[in-house]
Amino acid sequence: MTTERQIEIDNNFDFFQRRLSTLLKDHHGEFALLKNKRIAGLYPGPGEAYRAGLALFPDEIFSIQEIEDRPAEMGLISFALD
């Protein structure tokens, strides 16, 4: 994984964690597409979020997080999407 990609993922995860309690109210179970510490879209499944990320961000540097009230380790998914 490139350093740039890991920095983006880490920054987005921190941003996401700080907003999770607010997102849970209306978006529980959805998937957030994140880029530059911003939510670029909300999607019903990870596939939709991933396809939107590819369409919106040709550099393929973005992250996806499930809006869930339990901790999620997305590391394996992140590697699988590289």
N, C-alpha and C. Protein backbone atom coordinates (compact mmCIF):
# COMPACT_ATOMS: atom_id res chain seq x y z
N MET A 1 0.85 -1.17 0.00
CA MET A 1 0.00 0.00 0.00
C MET A 1 0.90 1.24 0.00
N THR A 2 0.56 2.19 -0.82
CA THR A 2 1.37 3.39 -0.89
C THR A 2 1.17 4.25 0.35
N THR A 3 2.14 5.05 0.65
CA THR A 3 2.06 5.94 1.80
C THR A 3 0.90 6.92 1.62
N GLU A 4 0.75 7.47 0.41
CA GLU A 4 -0.34 8.42 0.15
C GLU A 4 -1.70 7.77 0.43
N ARG A 5 -1.87 6.55 -0.02
CA ARG A 5 -3.14 5.84 0.20
C ARG A 5 -3.37 5.60 1.69
N GLN A 6 -2.33 5.17 2.41
CA GLN A 6 -2.49 4.90 3.84
C GLN A 6 -2.79 6.17 4.61
N ILE A 7 -2.17 7.26 4.27
CA ILE A 7 -2.45 8.55 4.91
C ILE A 7 -3.90 8.94 4.68
N GLU A 8 -4.39 8.78 3.45
CA GLU A 8 -5.79 9.09 3.14
C GLU A 8 -6.73 8.23 3.97
N ILE A 9 -6.46 6.93 4.05
CA ILE A 9 -7.31 6.03 4.83
C ILE A 9 -7.29 6.41 6.30
N ASP A 10 -6.12 6.68 6.85
CA ASP A 10 -6.01 7.05 8.26
C ASP A 10 -6.75 8.36 8.56
N ASN A 11 -6.56 9.36 7.70
CA ASN A 11 -7.23 10.65 7.90
C ASN A 11 -8.74 10.51 7.79
N ASN A 12 -9.19 9.74 6.80
CA ASN A 12 -10.63 9.54 6.63
C ASN A 12 -11.23 8.77 7.80
N PHE A 13 -10.51 7.78 8.31
CA PHE A 13 -11.01 7.00 9.44
C PHE A 13 -11.17 7.88 10.67
N ASP A 14 -10.20 8.74 10.94
CA ASP A 14 -10.29 9.66 12.07
C ASP A 14 -11.49 10.59 11.91
N PHE A 15 -11.65 11.16 10.72
CA PHE A 15 -12.79 12.03 10.42
C PHE A 15 -14.11 11.27 10.64
N PHE A 16 -14.18 10.06 10.11
CA PHE A 16 -15.38 9.24 10.21
C PHE A 16 -15.71 8.93 11.67
N GLN A 17 -14.74 8.52 12.44
CA GLN A 17 -14.97 8.17 13.85
C GLN A 17 -15.54 9.34 14.64
N ARG A 18 -15.07 10.55 14.35
CA ARG A 18 -15.56 11.73 15.07
C ARG A 18 -17.00 12.07 14.70
N ARG A 19 -17.50 11.59 13.60
CA ARG A 19 -18.86 11.89 13.15
C ARG A 19 -19.81 10.69 13.24
N LEU A 20 -19.29 9.58 13.67
CA LEU A 20 -20.07 8.34 13.66
C LEU A 20 -21.37 8.45 14.44
N SER A 21 -21.36 9.01 15.64
CA SER A 21 -22.58 9.05 16.44
C SER A 21 -23.68 9.84 15.74
N THR A 22 -23.33 10.89 15.03
CA THR A 22 -24.32 11.66 14.27
C THR A 22 -24.83 10.87 13.07
N LEU A 23 -23.93 10.21 12.36
CA LEU A 23 -24.31 9.43 11.18
C LEU A 23 -25.22 8.25 11.53
N LEU A 24 -25.00 7.65 12.70
CA LEU A 24 -25.78 6.47 13.09
C LEU A 24 -27.27 6.77 13.17
N LYS A 25 -27.63 7.98 13.52
CA LYS A 25 -29.04 8.35 13.70
C LYS A 25 -29.86 8.12 12.43
N ASP A 26 -29.34 8.52 11.28
CA ASP A 26 -30.11 8.45 10.04
C ASP A 26 -29.55 7.50 8.98
N HIS A 27 -28.34 6.98 9.21
CA HIS A 27 -27.68 6.22 8.15
C HIS A 27 -27.11 4.88 8.60
N HIS A 28 -27.60 4.35 9.70
CA HIS A 28 -27.12 3.08 10.23
C HIS A 28 -27.20 2.00 9.15
N GLY A 29 -26.11 1.26 8.95
CA GLY A 29 -26.06 0.18 7.98
C GLY A 29 -25.67 0.59 6.58
N GLU A 30 -25.58 1.89 6.33
CA GLU A 30 -25.14 2.36 5.02
C GLU A 30 -23.61 2.41 4.98
N PHE A 31 -23.07 2.71 3.81
CA PHE A 31 -21.63 2.79 3.63
C PHE A 31 -21.25 4.18 3.16
N ALA A 32 -20.30 4.78 3.86
CA ALA A 32 -19.84 6.13 3.53
C ALA A 32 -18.61 6.05 2.64
N LEU A 33 -18.66 6.78 1.55
CA LEU A 33 -17.51 6.95 0.66
C LEU A 33 -16.79 8.21 1.13
N LEU A 34 -15.50 8.09 1.46
CA LEU A 34 -14.74 9.19 2.05
C LEU A 34 -13.55 9.57 1.20
N LYS A 35 -13.34 10.87 1.09
CA LYS A 35 -12.18 11.41 0.36
C LYS A 35 -11.82 12.75 1.00
N ASN A 36 -10.55 12.95 1.29
CA ASN A 36 -10.06 14.22 1.85
C ASN A 36 -10.84 14.65 3.10
N LYS A 37 -11.09 13.69 3.98
CA LYS A 37 -11.80 13.95 5.24
C LYS A 37 -13.18 14.57 5.00
N ARG A 38 -13.86 14.09 3.95
CA ARG A 38 -15.22 14.52 3.65
C ARG A 38 -16.02 13.31 3.20
N ILE A 39 -17.31 13.35 3.43
CA ILE A 39 -18.19 12.29 2.95
C ILE A 39 -18.61 12.65 1.54
N ALA A 40 -18.20 11.80 0.59
CA ALA A 40 -18.51 12.04 -0.82
C ALA A 40 -19.84 11.41 -1.22
N GLY A 41 -20.36 10.52 -0.40
CA GLY A 41 -21.64 9.89 -0.69
C GLY A 41 -21.96 8.80 0.30
N LEU A 42 -23.22 8.45 0.38
CA LEU A 42 -23.70 7.36 1.24
C LEU A 42 -24.41 6.35 0.35
N TYR A 43 -24.14 5.06 0.58
CA TYR A 43 -24.62 4.01 -0.31
C TYR A 43 -25.15 2.83 0.50
N PRO A 44 -26.09 2.07 -0.09
CA PRO A 44 -26.68 0.95 0.65
C PRO A 44 -25.74 -0.25 0.83
N GLY A 45 -24.73 -0.37 -0.01
CA GLY A 45 -23.81 -1.50 0.10
C GLY A 45 -22.40 -1.11 -0.25
N PRO A 46 -21.42 -1.95 0.12
CA PRO A 46 -20.02 -1.63 -0.15
C PRO A 46 -19.70 -1.61 -1.64
N GLY A 47 -20.37 -2.46 -2.42
CA GLY A 47 -20.11 -2.49 -3.87
C GLY A 47 -20.50 -1.19 -4.54
N GLU A 48 -21.66 -0.67 -4.17
CA GLU A 48 -22.10 0.61 -4.73
C GLU A 48 -21.15 1.73 -4.35
N ALA A 49 -20.71 1.72 -3.09
CA ALA A 49 -19.77 2.75 -2.63
C ALA A 49 -18.44 2.65 -3.38
N TYR A 50 -17.97 1.44 -3.57
CA TYR A 50 -16.70 1.24 -4.27
C TYR A 50 -16.79 1.68 -5.73
N ARG A 51 -17.87 1.29 -6.41
CA ARG A 51 -18.03 1.69 -7.81
C ARG A 51 -18.14 3.20 -7.94
N ALA A 52 -18.84 3.84 -7.01
CA ALA A 52 -18.95 5.30 -7.03
C ALA A 52 -17.57 5.92 -6.80
N GLY A 53 -16.80 5.35 -5.89
CA GLY A 53 -15.45 5.85 -5.64
C GLY A 53 -14.58 5.78 -6.88
N LEU A 54 -14.66 4.67 -7.60
CA LEU A 54 -13.87 4.54 -8.83
C LEU A 54 -14.30 5.56 -9.88
N ALA A 55 -15.61 5.82 -9.96
CA ALA A 55 -16.12 6.77 -10.94
C ALA A 55 -15.76 8.21 -10.57
N LEU A 56 -15.81 8.51 -9.28
CA LEU A 56 -15.58 9.89 -8.83
C LEU A 56 -14.10 10.24 -8.68
N PHE A 57 -13.28 9.25 -8.34
CA PHE A 57 -11.89 9.51 -8.00
C PHE A 57 -10.96 8.63 -8.83
N PRO A 58 -10.56 9.10 -10.00
CA PRO A 58 -9.72 8.31 -10.89
C PRO A 58 -8.38 7.90 -10.27
N ASP A 59 -7.92 8.63 -9.26
CA ASP A 59 -6.66 8.26 -8.60
C ASP A 59 -6.82 7.03 -7.71
N GLU A 60 -8.07 6.61 -7.51
CA GLU A 60 -8.42 5.44 -6.69
C GLU A 60 -7.95 5.56 -5.25
N ILE A 61 -7.82 6.80 -4.78
CA ILE A 61 -7.43 7.02 -3.39
C ILE A 61 -8.64 7.57 -2.64
N PHE A 62 -9.34 6.66 -1.97
CA PHE A 62 -10.53 6.98 -1.19
C PHE A 62 -10.72 5.84 -0.20
N SER A 63 -11.66 5.98 0.68
CA SER A 63 -11.95 4.89 1.61
C SER A 63 -13.45 4.75 1.80
N ILE A 64 -13.84 3.61 2.33
CA ILE A 64 -15.24 3.28 2.56
C ILE A 64 -15.36 2.76 3.98
N GLN A 65 -16.38 3.25 4.69
CA GLN A 65 -16.63 2.78 6.05
C GLN A 65 -18.11 2.47 6.21
N GLU A 66 -18.40 1.36 6.86
CA GLU A 66 -19.78 1.04 7.19
C GLU A 66 -20.21 1.87 8.39
N ILE A 67 -21.40 2.41 8.33
CA ILE A 67 -21.94 3.19 9.43
C ILE A 67 -22.63 2.20 10.37
N GLU A 68 -21.88 1.81 11.37
CA GLU A 68 -22.27 0.74 12.28
C GLU A 68 -21.82 1.12 13.68
N ASP A 69 -22.54 0.64 14.69
CA ASP A 69 -22.19 1.00 16.07
C ASP A 69 -21.19 0.05 16.71
N ARG A 70 -20.58 -0.79 15.93
CA ARG A 70 -19.50 -1.65 16.42
C ARG A 70 -18.23 -1.33 15.64
N PRO A 71 -17.08 -1.50 16.27
CA PRO A 71 -15.83 -1.22 15.55
C PRO A 71 -15.69 -2.14 14.34
N ALA A 72 -15.15 -1.59 13.26
CA ALA A 72 -14.93 -2.39 12.05
C ALA A 72 -13.49 -2.25 11.60
N GLU A 73 -12.84 -3.38 11.39
CA GLU A 73 -11.48 -3.37 10.85
C GLU A 73 -11.60 -3.52 9.35
N MET A 74 -11.29 -2.46 8.63
CA MET A 74 -11.44 -2.46 7.19
C MET A 74 -10.11 -2.74 6.49
N GLY A 75 -9.07 -3.07 7.25
CA GLY A 75 -7.76 -3.27 6.67
C GLY A 75 -7.73 -4.32 5.58
N LEU A 76 -8.35 -5.47 5.81
CA LEU A 76 -8.35 -6.52 4.80
C LEU A 76 -9.09 -6.08 3.55
N ILE A 77 -10.19 -5.39 3.72
CA ILE A 77 -10.93 -4.90 2.57
C ILE A 77 -10.09 -3.87 1.83
N SER A 78 -9.43 -3.00 2.57
CA SER A 78 -8.59 -1.98 1.94
C SER A 78 -7.51 -2.64 1.07
N PHE A 79 -6.89 -3.69 1.59
CA PHE A 79 -5.85 -4.37 0.81
C PHE A 79 -6.48 -5.07 -0.39
N ALA A 80 -7.65 -5.64 -0.22
CA ALA A 80 -8.29 -6.35 -1.32
C ALA A 80 -8.68 -5.40 -2.44
N LEU A 81 -8.95 -4.15 -2.12
CA LEU A 81 -9.37 -3.18 -3.11
C LEU A 81 -8.20 -2.50 -3.80
N ASP A 82 -6.98 -2.72 -3.33
CA ASP A 82 -5.80 -2.10 -3.96
C ASP A 82 -5.60 -2.65 -5.34
